[in-house]
Amino acid sequence: MTEAAKKPGRWKTWALVGSVTLNLVMVGMIGGMVLRGTPDGSLMRAAIGALPDDARRDMRRDGREAFRGSRGHAELRAARADLLEALRAETFDADRFRAGLDVAQARLLDMGDRLEGQLVTRLERLDHPARLEVADRLESRTERLSRARD
């Protein structure tokens, strides 16, 4: 095959790798929002921040533990290996790369679901006056976020 025939294929390969890299960055940003909130905060983060001090500390500890616990998961290690192999292959395997991203995204969503469940459980344990205090703090936090965006 001539050099001229190879160039368009290489260009497409690099464009695909660039596109996949951007998608991976987006998945990381979404994961960051789930775990830490957007730069100006997320509603879940605001709700956790509105909890009483002891419950808020427990939620943050649980969130860190959930994140740390997900790192050593065998399924994630296999997904990482698939991502790397797909990128390093002579011909990029988009399906294999997507499958690896799907595993990582499912894990992030699972962590978010667990944190949501823990938040609801903690709120259920509060008496009415304590929930009213949480509501007031949540309202204050979310109003500040709305004003900051406007």
N, C-alpha and C. Protein backbone atom coordinates (compact mmCIF):
# COMPACT_ATOMS: atom_id res chain seq x y z
N MET A 1 0.85 -1.17 0.00
CA MET A 1 0.00 0.00 0.00
C MET A 1 0.89 1.24 0.00
N THR A 2 0.52 2.26 -0.73
CA THR A 2 1.35 3.46 -0.81
C THR A 2 1.18 4.33 0.41
N GLU A 3 2.12 5.25 0.59
CA GLU A 3 2.08 6.17 1.73
C GLU A 3 0.84 7.04 1.68
N ALA A 4 0.42 7.46 0.50
CA ALA A 4 -0.77 8.31 0.35
C ALA A 4 -2.03 7.56 0.79
N ALA A 5 -2.07 6.26 0.57
CA ALA A 5 -3.24 5.48 0.97
C ALA A 5 -3.29 5.28 2.48
N LYS A 6 -2.16 5.31 3.15
CA LYS A 6 -2.13 5.10 4.60
C LYS A 6 -2.52 6.34 5.39
N LYS A 7 -2.26 7.54 4.88
CA LYS A 7 -2.49 8.76 5.63
C LYS A 7 -3.95 8.97 6.05
N PRO A 8 -4.94 8.80 5.16
CA PRO A 8 -6.31 9.01 5.63
C PRO A 8 -6.70 8.05 6.76
N GLY A 9 -6.23 6.82 6.71
CA GLY A 9 -6.53 5.86 7.77
C GLY A 9 -5.91 6.29 9.09
N ARG A 10 -4.70 6.78 9.05
CA ARG A 10 -4.04 7.25 10.26
C ARG A 10 -4.77 8.47 10.83
N TRP A 11 -5.17 9.36 9.97
CA TRP A 11 -5.88 10.56 10.41
C TRP A 11 -7.18 10.15 11.11
N LYS A 12 -7.90 9.23 10.52
CA LYS A 12 -9.16 8.77 11.12
C LYS A 12 -8.90 8.08 12.45
N THR A 13 -7.83 7.31 12.54
CA THR A 13 -7.50 6.63 13.79
C THR A 13 -7.22 7.65 14.87
N TRP A 14 -6.42 8.66 14.56
CA TRP A 14 -6.12 9.69 15.57
C TRP A 14 -7.35 10.50 15.94
N ALA A 15 -8.21 10.77 14.97
CA ALA A 15 -9.45 11.49 15.28
C ALA A 15 -10.33 10.65 16.21
N LEU A 16 -10.39 9.35 15.96
CA LEU A 16 -11.18 8.47 16.82
C LEU A 16 -10.57 8.40 18.22
N VAL A 17 -9.27 8.30 18.31
CA VAL A 17 -8.60 8.27 19.61
C VAL A 17 -8.87 9.58 20.35
N GLY A 18 -8.80 10.71 19.65
CA GLY A 18 -9.10 12.00 20.27
C GLY A 18 -10.53 12.07 20.76
N SER A 19 -11.45 11.57 19.95
CA SER A 19 -12.85 11.57 20.34
C SER A 19 -13.08 10.70 21.57
N VAL A 20 -12.48 9.54 21.59
CA VAL A 20 -12.63 8.63 22.73
C VAL A 20 -12.01 9.26 23.98
N THR A 21 -10.89 9.92 23.82
CA THR A 21 -10.25 10.59 24.95
C THR A 21 -11.17 11.66 25.53
N LEU A 22 -11.81 12.44 24.68
CA LEU A 22 -12.76 13.44 25.16
C LEU A 22 -13.93 12.79 25.88
N ASN A 23 -14.40 11.67 25.36
CA ASN A 23 -15.48 10.95 26.03
C ASN A 23 -15.04 10.46 27.40
N LEU A 24 -13.81 9.99 27.50
CA LEU A 24 -13.29 9.53 28.79
C LEU A 24 -13.19 10.70 29.77
N VAL A 25 -12.78 11.85 29.30
CA VAL A 25 -12.74 13.03 30.15
C VAL A 25 -14.14 13.37 30.65
N MET A 26 -15.12 13.27 29.77
CA MET A 26 -16.50 13.56 30.17
C MET A 26 -16.98 12.57 31.23
N VAL A 27 -16.67 11.30 31.08
CA VAL A 27 -17.05 10.31 32.09
C VAL A 27 -16.41 10.66 33.42
N GLY A 28 -15.15 11.08 33.39
CA GLY A 28 -14.47 11.49 34.62
C GLY A 28 -15.12 12.70 35.26
N MET A 29 -15.53 13.65 34.43
CA MET A 29 -16.20 14.84 34.97
C MET A 29 -17.54 14.47 35.60
N ILE A 30 -18.28 13.59 34.94
CA ILE A 30 -19.56 13.15 35.48
C ILE A 30 -19.33 12.43 36.81
N GLY A 31 -18.32 11.57 36.84
CA GLY A 31 -18.00 10.89 38.09
C GLY A 31 -17.64 11.87 39.19
N GLY A 32 -16.89 12.89 38.84
CA GLY A 32 -16.55 13.92 39.82
C GLY A 32 -17.77 14.65 40.34
N MET A 33 -18.72 14.90 39.46
CA MET A 33 -19.94 15.57 39.90
C MET A 33 -20.72 14.69 40.87
N VAL A 34 -20.77 13.41 40.57
CA VAL A 34 -21.50 12.50 41.45
C VAL A 34 -20.84 12.43 42.82
N LEU A 35 -19.52 12.34 42.83
CA LEU A 35 -18.81 12.15 44.08
C LEU A 35 -18.51 13.44 44.83
N ARG A 36 -18.24 14.51 44.11
CA ARG A 36 -17.79 15.74 44.78
C ARG A 36 -18.65 16.95 44.46
N GLY A 37 -19.46 16.88 43.47
CA GLY A 37 -20.27 18.03 43.08
C GLY A 37 -19.59 18.82 41.99
N THR A 38 -20.36 19.62 41.28
CA THR A 38 -19.84 20.48 40.23
C THR A 38 -19.04 21.59 40.89
N PRO A 39 -18.30 22.40 40.11
CA PRO A 39 -17.53 23.48 40.72
C PRO A 39 -18.40 24.39 41.60
N ASP A 40 -19.64 24.62 41.22
CA ASP A 40 -20.50 25.47 42.04
C ASP A 40 -21.45 24.64 42.89
N GLY A 41 -21.26 23.32 42.93
CA GLY A 41 -22.03 22.46 43.82
C GLY A 41 -23.14 21.72 43.11
N SER A 42 -23.51 20.59 43.65
CA SER A 42 -24.63 19.82 43.13
C SER A 42 -25.71 19.76 44.20
N LEU A 43 -26.89 19.36 43.80
CA LEU A 43 -27.99 19.28 44.76
C LEU A 43 -27.72 18.22 45.82
N MET A 44 -27.13 17.08 45.43
CA MET A 44 -26.83 16.05 46.43
C MET A 44 -25.77 16.58 47.40
N ARG A 45 -24.77 17.25 46.87
CA ARG A 45 -23.73 17.81 47.76
C ARG A 45 -24.33 18.84 48.69
N ALA A 46 -25.23 19.68 48.19
CA ALA A 46 -25.88 20.67 49.03
C ALA A 46 -26.72 20.00 50.11
N ALA A 47 -27.41 18.91 49.75
CA ALA A 47 -28.25 18.19 50.73
C ALA A 47 -27.37 17.55 51.80
N ILE A 48 -26.25 16.98 51.41
CA ILE A 48 -25.34 16.40 52.40
C ILE A 48 -24.77 17.51 53.28
N GLY A 49 -24.43 18.64 52.67
CA GLY A 49 -23.91 19.76 53.44
C GLY A 49 -24.91 20.36 54.41
N ALA A 50 -26.19 20.15 54.15
CA ALA A 50 -27.24 20.71 55.02
C ALA A 50 -27.53 19.82 56.22
N LEU A 51 -26.97 18.62 56.23
CA LEU A 51 -27.19 17.70 57.37
C LEU A 51 -26.56 18.25 58.64
N PRO A 52 -27.02 17.77 59.79
CA PRO A 52 -26.33 18.11 61.04
C PRO A 52 -24.87 17.66 60.97
N ASP A 53 -24.01 18.32 61.74
CA ASP A 53 -22.56 18.09 61.65
C ASP A 53 -22.16 16.62 61.72
N ASP A 54 -22.70 15.87 62.68
CA ASP A 54 -22.28 14.48 62.83
C ASP A 54 -22.71 13.63 61.64
N ALA A 55 -23.92 13.84 61.14
CA ALA A 55 -24.40 13.08 59.98
C ALA A 55 -23.61 13.46 58.73
N ARG A 56 -23.27 14.74 58.60
CA ARG A 56 -22.49 15.19 57.44
C ARG A 56 -21.10 14.55 57.45
N ARG A 57 -20.46 14.52 58.61
CA ARG A 57 -19.15 13.87 58.71
C ARG A 57 -19.24 12.39 58.34
N ASP A 58 -20.28 11.72 58.82
CA ASP A 58 -20.47 10.30 58.50
C ASP A 58 -20.68 10.09 57.00
N MET A 59 -21.46 10.96 56.39
CA MET A 59 -21.72 10.84 54.95
C MET A 59 -20.43 11.03 54.15
N ARG A 60 -19.65 12.01 54.52
CA ARG A 60 -18.39 12.25 53.80
C ARG A 60 -17.43 11.08 53.97
N ARG A 61 -17.37 10.53 55.18
CA ARG A 61 -16.52 9.36 55.42
C ARG A 61 -17.01 8.19 54.58
N ASP A 62 -18.32 7.95 54.57
CA ASP A 62 -18.88 6.86 53.77
C ASP A 62 -18.60 7.05 52.29
N GLY A 63 -18.68 8.29 51.82
CA GLY A 63 -18.38 8.58 50.42
C GLY A 63 -16.94 8.27 50.07
N ARG A 64 -16.02 8.66 50.94
CA ARG A 64 -14.60 8.36 50.69
C ARG A 64 -14.37 6.85 50.69
N GLU A 65 -15.01 6.14 51.64
CA GLU A 65 -14.85 4.69 51.70
C GLU A 65 -15.42 4.01 50.46
N ALA A 66 -16.56 4.50 49.99
CA ALA A 66 -17.16 3.92 48.78
C ALA A 66 -16.24 4.13 47.59
N PHE A 67 -15.63 5.31 47.50
CA PHE A 67 -14.72 5.59 46.39
C PHE A 67 -13.46 4.73 46.49
N ARG A 68 -12.88 4.65 47.68
CA ARG A 68 -11.68 3.82 47.86
C ARG A 68 -11.98 2.35 47.59
N GLY A 69 -13.13 1.89 48.04
CA GLY A 69 -13.51 0.50 47.85
C GLY A 69 -13.69 0.13 46.39
N SER A 70 -14.02 1.10 45.56
CA SER A 70 -14.25 0.80 44.15
C SER A 70 -12.96 0.66 43.37
N ARG A 71 -11.87 1.22 43.88
CA ARG A 71 -10.61 1.21 43.13
C ARG A 71 -10.05 -0.19 42.93
N GLY A 72 -10.16 -1.06 43.92
CA GLY A 72 -9.55 -2.36 43.81
C GLY A 72 -10.44 -3.42 43.19
N HIS A 73 -11.58 -3.04 42.74
CA HIS A 73 -12.57 -3.98 42.22
C HIS A 73 -12.04 -4.67 40.96
N ALA A 74 -12.12 -5.98 40.93
CA ALA A 74 -11.58 -6.77 39.81
C ALA A 74 -12.25 -6.39 38.48
N GLU A 75 -13.53 -6.09 38.53
CA GLU A 75 -14.24 -5.73 37.29
C GLU A 75 -13.68 -4.42 36.72
N LEU A 76 -13.34 -3.47 37.59
CA LEU A 76 -12.76 -2.22 37.12
C LEU A 76 -11.36 -2.43 36.58
N ARG A 77 -10.60 -3.30 37.20
CA ARG A 77 -9.26 -3.60 36.68
C ARG A 77 -9.36 -4.20 35.29
N ALA A 78 -10.32 -5.08 35.09
CA ALA A 78 -10.51 -5.68 33.77
C ALA A 78 -10.96 -4.63 32.76
N ALA A 79 -11.84 -3.71 33.19
CA ALA A 79 -12.30 -2.64 32.30
C ALA A 79 -11.13 -1.75 31.91
N ARG A 80 -10.27 -1.44 32.86
CA ARG A 80 -9.09 -0.62 32.57
C ARG A 80 -8.20 -1.32 31.55
N ALA A 81 -8.00 -2.61 31.73
CA ALA A 81 -7.20 -3.38 30.78
C ALA A 81 -7.82 -3.34 29.39
N ASP A 82 -9.15 -3.45 29.31
CA ASP A 82 -9.83 -3.37 28.02
C ASP A 82 -9.64 -2.01 27.36
N LEU A 83 -9.73 -0.93 28.16
CA LEU A 83 -9.52 0.41 27.62
C LEU A 83 -8.12 0.54 27.03
N LEU A 84 -7.14 0.10 27.80
CA LEU A 84 -5.76 0.22 27.34
C LEU A 84 -5.49 -0.64 26.10
N GLU A 85 -6.01 -1.86 26.10
CA GLU A 85 -5.80 -2.73 24.94
C GLU A 85 -6.49 -2.16 23.70
N ALA A 86 -7.68 -1.61 23.88
CA ALA A 86 -8.39 -1.02 22.75
C ALA A 86 -7.61 0.16 22.18
N LEU A 87 -7.02 0.96 23.06
CA LEU A 87 -6.24 2.12 22.60
C LEU A 87 -4.93 1.71 21.93
N ARG A 88 -4.32 0.66 22.43
CA ARG A 88 -3.01 0.26 21.93
C ARG A 88 -3.07 -0.66 20.72
N ALA A 89 -4.24 -1.16 20.40
CA ALA A 89 -4.38 -2.08 19.26
C ALA A 89 -4.06 -1.35 17.95
N GLU A 90 -3.56 -2.10 17.00
CA GLU A 90 -3.25 -1.52 15.68
C GLU A 90 -4.51 -0.88 15.09
N THR A 91 -5.62 -1.59 15.17
CA THR A 91 -6.91 -1.05 14.76
C THR A 91 -7.72 -0.82 16.02
N PHE A 92 -8.14 0.42 16.22
CA PHE A 92 -8.86 0.78 17.44
C PHE A 92 -10.17 0.00 17.53
N ASP A 93 -10.41 -0.61 18.70
CA ASP A 93 -11.62 -1.39 18.95
C ASP A 93 -12.59 -0.54 19.78
N ALA A 94 -13.42 0.22 19.08
CA ALA A 94 -14.34 1.15 19.75
C ALA A 94 -15.33 0.41 20.65
N ASP A 95 -15.80 -0.74 20.22
CA ASP A 95 -16.77 -1.49 21.03
C ASP A 95 -16.15 -1.94 22.36
N ARG A 96 -14.93 -2.41 22.30
CA ARG A 96 -14.25 -2.84 23.52
C ARG A 96 -14.00 -1.65 24.45
N PHE A 97 -13.62 -0.52 23.86
CA PHE A 97 -13.40 0.69 24.65
C PHE A 97 -14.69 1.14 25.32
N ARG A 98 -15.77 1.17 24.55
CA ARG A 98 -17.08 1.56 25.11
C ARG A 98 -17.51 0.62 26.24
N ALA A 99 -17.26 -0.66 26.06
CA ALA A 99 -17.64 -1.63 27.09
C ALA A 99 -16.88 -1.34 28.39
N GLY A 100 -15.61 -1.00 28.28
CA GLY A 100 -14.83 -0.64 29.46
C GLY A 100 -15.37 0.61 30.13
N LEU A 101 -15.73 1.61 29.33
CA LEU A 101 -16.31 2.83 29.89
C LEU A 101 -17.65 2.55 30.56
N ASP A 102 -18.43 1.66 29.96
CA ASP A 102 -19.73 1.31 30.55
C ASP A 102 -19.57 0.71 31.94
N VAL A 103 -18.56 -0.13 32.11
CA VAL A 103 -18.30 -0.74 33.42
C VAL A 103 -17.94 0.35 34.42
N ALA A 104 -17.06 1.28 34.02
CA ALA A 104 -16.64 2.36 34.92
C ALA A 104 -17.83 3.26 35.27
N GLN A 105 -18.64 3.58 34.28
CA GLN A 105 -19.79 4.45 34.52
C GLN A 105 -20.81 3.76 35.43
N ALA A 106 -21.03 2.49 35.23
CA ALA A 106 -21.97 1.75 36.09
C ALA A 106 -21.49 1.76 37.53
N ARG A 107 -20.19 1.64 37.72
CA ARG A 107 -19.62 1.67 39.08
C ARG A 107 -19.85 3.03 39.73
N LEU A 108 -19.65 4.11 38.98
CA LEU A 108 -19.89 5.46 39.51
C LEU A 108 -21.36 5.65 39.87
N LEU A 109 -22.24 5.17 39.01
CA LEU A 109 -23.67 5.30 39.30
C LEU A 109 -24.05 4.49 40.53
N ASP A 110 -23.43 3.33 40.69
CA ASP A 110 -23.68 2.51 41.88
C ASP A 110 -23.24 3.25 43.14
N MET A 111 -22.09 3.90 43.11
CA MET A 111 -21.62 4.66 44.27
C MET A 111 -22.59 5.81 44.57
N GLY A 112 -23.04 6.49 43.53
CA GLY A 112 -24.01 7.57 43.72
C GLY A 112 -25.32 7.07 44.32
N ASP A 113 -25.78 5.92 43.87
CA ASP A 113 -27.01 5.33 44.41
C ASP A 113 -26.84 4.97 45.88
N ARG A 114 -25.67 4.42 46.23
CA ARG A 114 -25.43 4.08 47.64
C ARG A 114 -25.41 5.32 48.53
N LEU A 115 -24.77 6.38 48.05
CA LEU A 115 -24.73 7.62 48.83
C LEU A 115 -26.13 8.21 48.97
N GLU A 116 -26.90 8.14 47.90
CA GLU A 116 -28.29 8.63 47.96
C GLU A 116 -29.09 7.86 49.01
N GLY A 117 -28.95 6.54 49.01
CA GLY A 117 -29.65 5.72 49.99
C GLY A 117 -29.24 6.05 51.41
N GLN A 118 -27.94 6.27 51.62
CA GLN A 118 -27.45 6.64 52.95
C GLN A 118 -27.98 8.00 53.38
N LEU A 119 -28.07 8.92 52.44
CA LEU A 119 -28.61 10.26 52.74
C LEU A 119 -30.07 10.15 53.18
N VAL A 120 -30.86 9.40 52.42
CA VAL A 120 -32.28 9.24 52.75
C VAL A 120 -32.45 8.56 54.11
N THR A 121 -31.64 7.54 54.37
CA THR A 121 -31.71 6.84 55.66
C THR A 121 -31.41 7.78 56.82
N ARG A 122 -30.40 8.61 56.65
CA ARG A 122 -30.06 9.57 57.72
C ARG A 122 -31.19 10.59 57.92
N LEU A 123 -31.79 11.03 56.83
CA LEU A 123 -32.90 11.99 56.94
C LEU A 123 -34.11 11.36 57.60
N GLU A 124 -34.36 10.08 57.32
CA GLU A 124 -35.49 9.39 57.95
C GLU A 124 -35.33 9.31 59.47
N ARG A 125 -34.09 9.25 59.94
CA ARG A 125 -33.82 9.12 61.38
C ARG A 125 -34.00 10.44 62.13
N LEU A 126 -34.02 11.55 61.40
CA LEU A 126 -34.14 12.85 62.06
C LEU A 126 -35.58 13.11 62.47
N ASP A 127 -35.74 13.79 63.59
CA ASP A 127 -37.09 14.20 63.98
C ASP A 127 -37.49 15.43 63.15
N HIS A 128 -38.75 15.82 63.28
CA HIS A 128 -39.29 16.90 62.45
C HIS A 128 -38.52 18.22 62.62
N PRO A 129 -38.26 18.68 63.85
CA PRO A 129 -37.50 19.93 63.99
C PRO A 129 -36.11 19.87 63.34
N ALA A 130 -35.44 18.74 63.44
CA ALA A 130 -34.12 18.61 62.82
C ALA A 130 -34.23 18.63 61.30
N ARG A 131 -35.28 18.00 60.76
CA ARG A 131 -35.48 18.03 59.30
C ARG A 131 -35.80 19.45 58.83
N LEU A 132 -36.52 20.21 59.65
CA LEU A 132 -36.80 21.61 59.30
C LEU A 132 -35.50 22.42 59.22
N GLU A 133 -34.58 22.16 60.15
CA GLU A 133 -33.28 22.83 60.10
C GLU A 133 -32.51 22.46 58.83
N VAL A 134 -32.56 21.17 58.48
CA VAL A 134 -31.90 20.72 57.25
C VAL A 134 -32.54 21.41 56.05
N ALA A 135 -33.86 21.50 56.04
CA ALA A 135 -34.56 22.16 54.93
C ALA A 135 -34.13 23.62 54.80
N ASP A 136 -34.03 24.31 55.93
CA ASP A 136 -33.61 25.72 55.89
C ASP A 136 -32.18 25.86 55.35
N ARG A 137 -31.28 24.98 55.82
CA ARG A 137 -29.89 25.05 55.34
C ARG A 137 -29.82 24.69 53.85
N LEU A 138 -30.60 23.69 53.44
CA LEU A 138 -30.61 23.31 52.03
C LEU A 138 -31.14 24.45 51.17
N GLU A 139 -32.20 25.07 51.63
CA GLU A 139 -32.76 26.20 50.87
C GLU A 139 -31.73 27.32 50.75
N SER A 140 -31.04 27.63 51.83
CA SER A 140 -30.03 28.67 51.81
C SER A 140 -28.89 28.32 50.84
N ARG A 141 -28.43 27.10 50.92
CA ARG A 141 -27.32 26.67 50.04
C ARG A 141 -27.72 26.70 48.57
N THR A 142 -28.92 26.22 48.26
CA THR A 142 -29.32 26.17 46.86
C THR A 142 -29.67 27.55 46.32
N GLU A 143 -30.14 28.47 47.19
CA GLU A 143 -30.38 29.84 46.73
C GLU A 143 -29.08 30.51 46.36
N ARG A 144 -28.03 30.26 47.16
CA ARG A 144 -26.72 30.84 46.84
C ARG A 144 -26.22 30.31 45.51
N LEU A 145 -26.43 29.00 45.27
CA LEU A 145 -26.00 28.41 44.01
C LEU A 145 -26.74 29.04 42.84
N SER A 146 -28.04 29.24 43.00
CA SER A 146 -28.85 29.84 41.93
C SER A 146 -28.41 31.26 41.64
N ARG A 147 -28.16 32.03 42.69
CA ARG A 147 -27.70 33.43 42.49
C ARG A 147 -26.34 33.45 41.84
N ALA A 148 -25.45 32.53 42.21
CA ALA A 148 -24.11 32.50 41.63
C ALA A 148 -24.15 32.17 40.15
N ARG A 149 -25.10 31.37 39.71
CA ARG A 149 -25.23 31.00 38.29
C ARG A 149 -25.84 32.10 37.47
N ASP A 150 -26.70 32.92 38.11
CA ASP A 150 -27.39 33.99 37.36
C ASP A 150 -26.51 35.16 37.05
